Amino acid sequence: MEVKINDLEFELSKMKTAQDANITELEKYKLFYQEELEAKRSLSSELNDTKKRLAAVSKDLRREKKLKRSLLSALTVRPVPEVPCCGNPENNLVLNRDLVVKENLVIPVSGAQQSNNSMDEYLTKVSAIFFFFP
């Protein structure tokens, strides 16, 4: 009988040790879970901020595209001004110096394709010239 009690006490001791190990492991996993939860919250917040910035940049891009389209349509819809030397011979516009453009026109001569920025600059200069001749 005493041997049986010793065996049961030994089994109880082993179970308590295993239970302590399980509790320790459980605490470790709780810590990991808390760290993961905090990382998830942080990444979620960062993702939301990035989405807001993307929405703002997309809105600006749409606005710029709309402005560019309206500028291009204004250029294509606007009538071509009458060149003074080819106009009505009785109209003496050649001698009228107020209508002469006083800045140098930049005409690209290279065969290479221009970048979008230089094309935008060129279109802006051309549109400025058209605005001087209604």
N, C-alpha and C. Protein backbone atom coordinates (compact mmCIF):
# COMPACT_ATOMS: atom_id res chain seq x y z
N MET A 1 0.81 -1.19 0.00
CA MET A 1 0.00 0.00 0.00
C MET A 1 0.86 1.26 0.00
N GLU A 2 1.93 1.20 0.80
CA GLU A 2 2.82 2.35 0.87
C GLU A 2 3.49 2.59 -0.49
N VAL A 3 3.79 1.60 -1.21
CA VAL A 3 4.39 1.72 -2.54
C VAL A 3 3.40 2.40 -3.48
N LYS A 4 2.15 2.02 -3.33
CA LYS A 4 1.11 2.62 -4.16
C LYS A 4 0.99 4.12 -3.88
N ILE A 5 1.06 4.51 -2.58
CA ILE A 5 0.98 5.92 -2.20
C ILE A 5 2.18 6.68 -2.77
N ASN A 6 3.35 6.08 -2.67
CA ASN A 6 4.57 6.73 -3.21
C ASN A 6 4.44 6.91 -4.73
N ASP A 7 3.91 5.91 -5.40
CA ASP A 7 3.72 6.02 -6.86
C ASP A 7 2.74 7.14 -7.20
N LEU A 8 1.66 7.23 -6.43
CA LEU A 8 0.68 8.27 -6.68
C LEU A 8 1.23 9.67 -6.38
N GLU A 9 2.01 9.78 -5.32
CA GLU A 9 2.65 11.06 -5.00
C GLU A 9 3.63 11.46 -6.12
N PHE A 10 4.36 10.47 -6.59
CA PHE A 10 5.30 10.74 -7.70
C PHE A 10 4.55 11.20 -8.95
N GLU A 11 3.45 10.55 -9.26
CA GLU A 11 2.62 10.93 -10.41
C GLU A 11 2.06 12.34 -10.22
N LEU A 12 1.62 12.64 -8.99
CA LEU A 12 1.10 13.97 -8.69
C LEU A 12 2.18 15.03 -8.87
N SER A 13 3.39 14.72 -8.43
CA SER A 13 4.52 15.63 -8.57
C SER A 13 4.83 15.88 -10.05
N LYS A 14 4.82 14.80 -10.84
CA LYS A 14 5.06 14.94 -12.28
C LYS A 14 3.97 15.80 -12.93
N MET A 15 2.73 15.61 -12.51
CA MET A 15 1.62 16.38 -13.09
C MET A 15 1.73 17.86 -12.73
N LYS A 16 2.14 18.14 -11.47
CA LYS A 16 2.32 19.54 -11.07
C LYS A 16 3.44 20.19 -11.87
N THR A 17 4.52 19.47 -12.08
CA THR A 17 5.63 19.99 -12.87
C THR A 17 5.19 20.25 -14.30
N ALA A 18 4.45 19.32 -14.86
CA ALA A 18 3.94 19.48 -16.24
C ALA A 18 2.97 20.66 -16.30
N GLN A 19 2.15 20.81 -15.27
CA GLN A 19 1.20 21.92 -15.23
C GLN A 19 1.94 23.25 -15.14
N ASP A 20 2.99 23.32 -14.33
CA ASP A 20 3.79 24.55 -14.23
C ASP A 20 4.44 24.87 -15.58
N ALA A 21 4.93 23.86 -16.27
CA ALA A 21 5.53 24.07 -17.58
C ALA A 21 4.48 24.56 -18.57
N ASN A 22 3.28 23.99 -18.47
CA ASN A 22 2.19 24.43 -19.36
C ASN A 22 1.80 25.88 -19.07
N ILE A 23 1.76 26.24 -17.79
CA ILE A 23 1.42 27.62 -17.43
C ILE A 23 2.50 28.57 -17.94
N THR A 24 3.74 28.19 -17.79
CA THR A 24 4.85 29.02 -18.28
C THR A 24 4.75 29.17 -19.79
N GLU A 25 4.48 28.06 -20.47
CA GLU A 25 4.35 28.12 -21.94
C GLU A 25 3.14 28.97 -22.35
N LEU A 26 2.05 28.85 -21.60
CA LEU A 26 0.87 29.66 -21.86
C LEU A 26 1.17 31.15 -21.71
N GLU A 27 1.90 31.51 -20.68
CA GLU A 27 2.29 32.92 -20.48
C GLU A 27 3.17 33.41 -21.63
N LYS A 28 4.06 32.53 -22.08
CA LYS A 28 4.93 32.90 -23.21
C LYS A 28 4.09 33.15 -24.47
N TYR A 29 3.11 32.30 -24.73
CA TYR A 29 2.26 32.48 -25.91
C TYR A 29 1.36 33.70 -25.77
N LYS A 30 0.94 34.02 -24.56
CA LYS A 30 0.17 35.25 -24.33
C LYS A 30 1.00 36.47 -24.70
N LEU A 31 2.27 36.44 -24.29
CA LEU A 31 3.18 37.54 -24.63
C LEU A 31 3.34 37.66 -26.15
N PHE A 32 3.56 36.54 -26.81
CA PHE A 32 3.68 36.56 -28.28
C PHE A 32 2.41 37.12 -28.93
N TYR A 33 1.27 36.71 -28.41
CA TYR A 33 0.00 37.18 -28.95
C TYR A 33 -0.14 38.70 -28.78
N GLN A 34 0.23 39.21 -27.62
CA GLN A 34 0.16 40.65 -27.37
C GLN A 34 1.10 41.41 -28.32
N GLU A 35 2.30 40.87 -28.53
CA GLU A 35 3.24 41.51 -29.46
C GLU A 35 2.69 41.52 -30.88
N GLU A 36 2.12 40.40 -31.30
CA GLU A 36 1.53 40.31 -32.64
C GLU A 36 0.35 41.26 -32.79
N LEU A 37 -0.47 41.35 -31.76
CA LEU A 37 -1.61 42.25 -31.78
C LEU A 37 -1.15 43.71 -31.91
N GLU A 38 -0.13 44.07 -31.18
CA GLU A 38 0.41 45.44 -31.26
C GLU A 38 1.00 45.71 -32.65
N ALA A 39 1.73 44.74 -33.21
CA ALA A 39 2.29 44.89 -34.55
C ALA A 39 1.17 45.03 -35.58
N LYS A 40 0.11 44.26 -35.42
CA LYS A 40 -1.03 44.33 -36.34
C LYS A 40 -1.68 45.71 -36.28
N ARG A 41 -1.87 46.23 -35.08
CA ARG A 41 -2.45 47.57 -34.93
C ARG A 41 -1.57 48.63 -35.57
N SER A 42 -0.28 48.52 -35.33
CA SER A 42 0.66 49.48 -35.90
C SER A 42 0.64 49.44 -37.42
N LEU A 43 0.69 48.23 -37.99
CA LEU A 43 0.67 48.09 -39.45
C LEU A 43 -0.66 48.55 -40.04
N SER A 44 -1.74 48.29 -39.32
CA SER A 44 -3.05 48.74 -39.78
C SER A 44 -3.12 50.26 -39.81
N SER A 45 -2.59 50.89 -38.79
CA SER A 45 -2.56 52.35 -38.75
C SER A 45 -1.69 52.91 -39.88
N GLU A 46 -0.54 52.28 -40.09
CA GLU A 46 0.35 52.71 -41.17
C GLU A 46 -0.32 52.53 -42.53
N LEU A 47 -1.04 51.42 -42.70
CA LEU A 47 -1.75 51.17 -43.95
C LEU A 47 -2.83 52.23 -44.18
N ASN A 48 -3.57 52.58 -43.14
CA ASN A 48 -4.59 53.62 -43.27
C ASN A 48 -3.98 54.97 -43.65
N ASP A 49 -2.84 55.31 -43.03
CA ASP A 49 -2.16 56.56 -43.38
C ASP A 49 -1.72 56.54 -44.84
N THR A 50 -1.19 55.39 -45.27
CA THR A 50 -0.73 55.27 -46.66
C THR A 50 -1.91 55.37 -47.62
N LYS A 51 -3.05 54.78 -47.25
CA LYS A 51 -4.24 54.89 -48.10
C LYS A 51 -4.70 56.34 -48.22
N LYS A 52 -4.64 57.08 -47.11
CA LYS A 52 -5.03 58.49 -47.14
C LYS A 52 -4.10 59.29 -48.05
N ARG A 53 -2.79 59.04 -47.91
CA ARG A 53 -1.84 59.75 -48.78
C ARG A 53 -2.04 59.38 -50.24
N LEU A 54 -2.31 58.10 -50.51
CA LEU A 54 -2.56 57.65 -51.88
C LEU A 54 -3.81 58.32 -52.44
N ALA A 55 -4.84 58.43 -51.64
CA ALA A 55 -6.07 59.09 -52.09
C ALA A 55 -5.81 60.56 -52.41
N ALA A 56 -5.02 61.22 -51.57
CA ALA A 56 -4.71 62.64 -51.82
C ALA A 56 -3.88 62.80 -53.10
N VAL A 57 -2.90 61.94 -53.29
CA VAL A 57 -2.06 62.02 -54.49
C VAL A 57 -2.89 61.68 -55.72
N SER A 58 -3.77 60.71 -55.61
CA SER A 58 -4.63 60.35 -56.75
C SER A 58 -5.55 61.52 -57.11
N LYS A 59 -6.06 62.19 -56.10
CA LYS A 59 -6.93 63.35 -56.34
C LYS A 59 -6.15 64.46 -57.05
N ASP A 60 -4.91 64.71 -56.58
CA ASP A 60 -4.08 65.72 -57.24
C ASP A 60 -3.77 65.33 -58.68
N LEU A 61 -3.49 64.05 -58.90
CA LEU A 61 -3.18 63.57 -60.25
C LEU A 61 -4.39 63.73 -61.16
N ARG A 62 -5.58 63.38 -60.66
CA ARG A 62 -6.79 63.55 -61.47
C ARG A 62 -7.00 65.02 -61.80
N ARG A 63 -6.77 65.90 -60.83
CA ARG A 63 -6.92 67.34 -61.05
C ARG A 63 -5.94 67.83 -62.11
N GLU A 64 -4.69 67.37 -62.04
CA GLU A 64 -3.69 67.78 -63.03
C GLU A 64 -4.05 67.25 -64.42
N LYS A 65 -4.53 66.01 -64.50
CA LYS A 65 -4.92 65.46 -65.80
C LYS A 65 -6.08 66.24 -66.39
N LYS A 66 -7.04 66.60 -65.54
CA LYS A 66 -8.18 67.37 -66.00
C LYS A 66 -7.72 68.74 -66.50
N LEU A 67 -6.82 69.37 -65.76
CA LEU A 67 -6.29 70.66 -66.17
C LEU A 67 -5.55 70.54 -67.50
N LYS A 68 -4.75 69.48 -67.64
CA LYS A 68 -4.00 69.28 -68.89
C LYS A 68 -4.95 69.06 -70.05
N ARG A 69 -6.02 68.23 -69.81
CA ARG A 69 -7.00 68.01 -70.87
C ARG A 69 -7.70 69.30 -71.27
N SER A 70 -8.06 70.11 -70.27
CA SER A 70 -8.75 71.35 -70.59
C SER A 70 -7.81 72.31 -71.32
N LEU A 71 -6.52 72.31 -70.95
CA LEU A 71 -5.55 73.15 -71.65
C LEU A 71 -5.38 72.68 -73.09
N LEU A 72 -5.27 71.36 -73.27
CA LEU A 72 -5.12 70.83 -74.63
C LEU A 72 -6.37 71.09 -75.46
N SER A 73 -7.54 70.94 -74.85
CA SER A 73 -8.77 71.20 -75.62
C SER A 73 -8.89 72.69 -75.93
N ALA A 74 -8.42 73.53 -75.03
CA ALA A 74 -8.45 74.97 -75.31
C ALA A 74 -7.51 75.30 -76.47
N LEU A 75 -6.40 74.58 -76.55
CA LEU A 75 -5.46 74.82 -77.65
C LEU A 75 -6.05 74.35 -78.98
N THR A 76 -6.74 73.22 -78.96
CA THR A 76 -7.26 72.70 -80.22
C THR A 76 -8.53 73.42 -80.65
N VAL A 77 -9.31 73.95 -79.72
CA VAL A 77 -10.55 74.63 -80.06
C VAL A 77 -10.30 76.07 -80.49
N ARG A 78 -9.27 76.68 -79.93
CA ARG A 78 -8.98 78.08 -80.21
C ARG A 78 -8.62 78.25 -81.69
N PRO A 79 -9.19 79.25 -82.39
CA PRO A 79 -8.85 79.45 -83.80
C PRO A 79 -7.40 79.91 -83.97
N VAL A 80 -6.85 79.54 -85.09
CA VAL A 80 -5.48 79.93 -85.39
C VAL A 80 -5.47 81.42 -85.72
N PRO A 81 -4.58 82.19 -85.08
CA PRO A 81 -4.56 83.62 -85.36
C PRO A 81 -4.08 83.90 -86.79
N GLU A 82 -4.56 84.96 -87.34
CA GLU A 82 -4.18 85.33 -88.70
C GLU A 82 -2.77 85.89 -88.67
N VAL A 83 -1.93 85.35 -89.54
CA VAL A 83 -0.56 85.82 -89.61
C VAL A 83 -0.57 87.18 -90.30
N PRO A 84 0.09 88.21 -89.73
CA PRO A 84 0.03 89.56 -90.30
C PRO A 84 0.46 89.64 -91.75
N CYS A 85 1.47 88.90 -92.15
CA CYS A 85 1.95 89.03 -93.52
C CYS A 85 1.04 88.32 -94.52
N CYS A 86 0.19 87.42 -94.08
CA CYS A 86 -0.68 86.69 -94.99
C CYS A 86 -2.12 87.15 -94.92
N GLY A 87 -2.42 88.14 -94.13
CA GLY A 87 -3.79 88.58 -93.93
C GLY A 87 -4.25 89.50 -95.04
N ASN A 88 -5.22 90.32 -94.71
CA ASN A 88 -5.79 91.29 -95.63
C ASN A 88 -4.72 92.32 -95.98
N PRO A 89 -4.44 92.54 -97.27
CA PRO A 89 -3.37 93.48 -97.65
C PRO A 89 -3.71 94.93 -97.26
N GLU A 90 -5.00 95.23 -97.11
CA GLU A 90 -5.35 96.59 -96.73
C GLU A 90 -5.19 96.82 -95.22
N ASN A 91 -5.13 95.73 -94.51
CA ASN A 91 -4.95 95.83 -93.07
C ASN A 91 -3.45 95.89 -92.81
N ASN A 92 -2.97 96.95 -92.26
CA ASN A 92 -1.55 97.21 -92.12
C ASN A 92 -1.03 96.69 -90.77
N LEU A 93 -1.23 95.39 -90.48
CA LEU A 93 -0.82 94.84 -89.20
C LEU A 93 0.68 94.62 -89.09
N VAL A 94 1.36 94.55 -90.22
CA VAL A 94 2.80 94.30 -90.19
C VAL A 94 3.50 95.45 -89.49
N LEU A 95 3.00 96.66 -89.67
CA LEU A 95 3.65 97.81 -89.08
C LEU A 95 3.24 98.03 -87.62
N ASN A 96 2.22 97.35 -87.18
CA ASN A 96 1.75 97.50 -85.81
C ASN A 96 2.63 96.66 -84.90
N ARG A 97 3.53 97.29 -84.16
CA ARG A 97 4.49 96.55 -83.34
C ARG A 97 3.88 96.00 -82.05
N ASP A 98 2.68 96.40 -81.68
CA ASP A 98 2.05 95.88 -80.47
C ASP A 98 1.67 94.41 -80.63
N LEU A 99 1.45 93.96 -81.84
CA LEU A 99 1.02 92.59 -82.07
C LEU A 99 2.18 91.64 -82.30
N VAL A 100 3.40 92.15 -82.37
CA VAL A 100 4.55 91.29 -82.60
C VAL A 100 4.95 90.64 -81.27
N VAL A 101 5.19 89.35 -81.30
CA VAL A 101 5.61 88.63 -80.10
C VAL A 101 7.00 89.08 -79.73
N LYS A 102 7.19 89.42 -78.46
CA LYS A 102 8.46 89.99 -78.04
C LYS A 102 9.34 88.99 -77.30
N GLU A 103 9.05 87.73 -77.43
CA GLU A 103 9.89 86.73 -76.79
C GLU A 103 10.29 85.70 -77.85
N ASN A 104 11.37 85.00 -77.59
CA ASN A 104 11.85 83.99 -78.53
C ASN A 104 11.00 82.74 -78.42
N LEU A 105 10.59 82.23 -79.55
CA LEU A 105 9.86 80.97 -79.57
C LEU A 105 10.87 79.83 -79.54
N VAL A 106 10.59 78.83 -78.76
CA VAL A 106 11.46 77.67 -78.69
C VAL A 106 10.82 76.58 -79.53
N ILE A 107 11.51 76.19 -80.59
CA ILE A 107 11.01 75.14 -81.46
C ILE A 107 11.98 73.97 -81.35
N PRO A 108 11.51 72.84 -80.87
CA PRO A 108 12.42 71.70 -80.71
C PRO A 108 12.87 71.19 -82.08
N VAL A 109 14.18 70.94 -82.20
CA VAL A 109 14.72 70.47 -83.46
C VAL A 109 15.28 69.06 -83.35
N SER A 110 15.40 68.54 -82.16
CA SER A 110 15.99 67.21 -82.02
C SER A 110 14.97 66.16 -82.44
N GLY A 111 15.46 65.06 -82.95
CA GLY A 111 14.59 63.97 -83.38
C GLY A 111 14.20 63.08 -82.21
N ALA A 112 14.87 63.24 -81.09
CA ALA A 112 14.56 62.39 -79.93
C ALA A 112 13.22 62.78 -79.33
N GLN A 113 12.57 61.83 -78.72
CA GLN A 113 11.27 62.09 -78.10
C GLN A 113 11.49 62.90 -76.82
N GLN A 114 10.67 63.95 -76.65
CA GLN A 114 10.82 64.82 -75.49
C GLN A 114 10.14 64.19 -74.29
N SER A 115 10.61 64.58 -73.11
CA SER A 115 9.96 64.08 -71.89
C SER A 115 8.65 64.83 -71.69
N ASN A 116 7.82 64.34 -70.80
CA ASN A 116 6.53 64.97 -70.53
C ASN A 116 6.70 66.38 -69.98
N ASN A 117 7.73 66.61 -69.16
CA ASN A 117 7.92 67.93 -68.58
C ASN A 117 8.25 68.96 -69.66
N SER A 118 9.15 68.62 -70.57
CA SER A 118 9.50 69.58 -71.60
C SER A 118 8.32 69.79 -72.55
N MET A 119 7.51 68.75 -72.78
CA MET A 119 6.33 68.91 -73.61
C MET A 119 5.33 69.82 -72.93
N ASP A 120 5.17 69.66 -71.61
CA ASP A 120 4.27 70.54 -70.86
C ASP A 120 4.75 72.00 -70.94
N GLU A 121 6.05 72.20 -70.81
CA GLU A 121 6.60 73.56 -70.90
C GLU A 121 6.33 74.13 -72.29
N TYR A 122 6.55 73.32 -73.32
CA TYR A 122 6.32 73.79 -74.68
C TYR A 122 4.86 74.16 -74.89
N LEU A 123 3.94 73.29 -74.41
CA LEU A 123 2.50 73.58 -74.56
C LEU A 123 2.12 74.84 -73.79
N THR A 124 2.72 75.05 -72.65
CA THR A 124 2.43 76.25 -71.87
C THR A 124 2.88 77.49 -72.63
N LYS A 125 4.06 77.44 -73.25
CA LYS A 125 4.55 78.59 -74.02
C LYS A 125 3.66 78.84 -75.23
N VAL A 126 3.28 77.76 -75.90
CA VAL A 126 2.42 77.91 -77.08
C VAL A 126 1.06 78.47 -76.68
N SER A 127 0.51 77.99 -75.58
CA SER A 127 -0.79 78.50 -75.14
C SER A 127 -0.68 79.96 -74.73
N ALA A 128 0.45 80.37 -74.17
CA ALA A 128 0.64 81.77 -73.79
C ALA A 128 0.64 82.64 -75.04
N ILE A 129 1.20 82.16 -76.11
CA ILE A 129 1.21 82.92 -77.37
C ILE A 129 -0.20 83.06 -77.90
N PHE A 130 -0.99 81.98 -77.85
CA PHE A 130 -2.35 82.05 -78.35
C PHE A 130 -3.23 82.98 -77.52
N PHE A 131 -2.93 83.09 -76.24
CA PHE A 131 -3.72 83.96 -75.39
C PHE A 131 -3.45 85.43 -75.71
N PHE A 132 -2.30 85.75 -76.33
CA PHE A 132 -2.02 87.13 -76.70
C PHE A 132 -2.78 87.53 -77.95
N PHE A 133 -3.20 86.55 -78.77
CA PHE A 133 -3.93 86.80 -80.00
C PHE A 133 -5.34 86.24 -79.87
N PRO A 134 -6.29 87.03 -79.46
CA PRO A 134 -7.64 86.48 -79.30
C PRO A 134 -8.31 86.20 -80.61
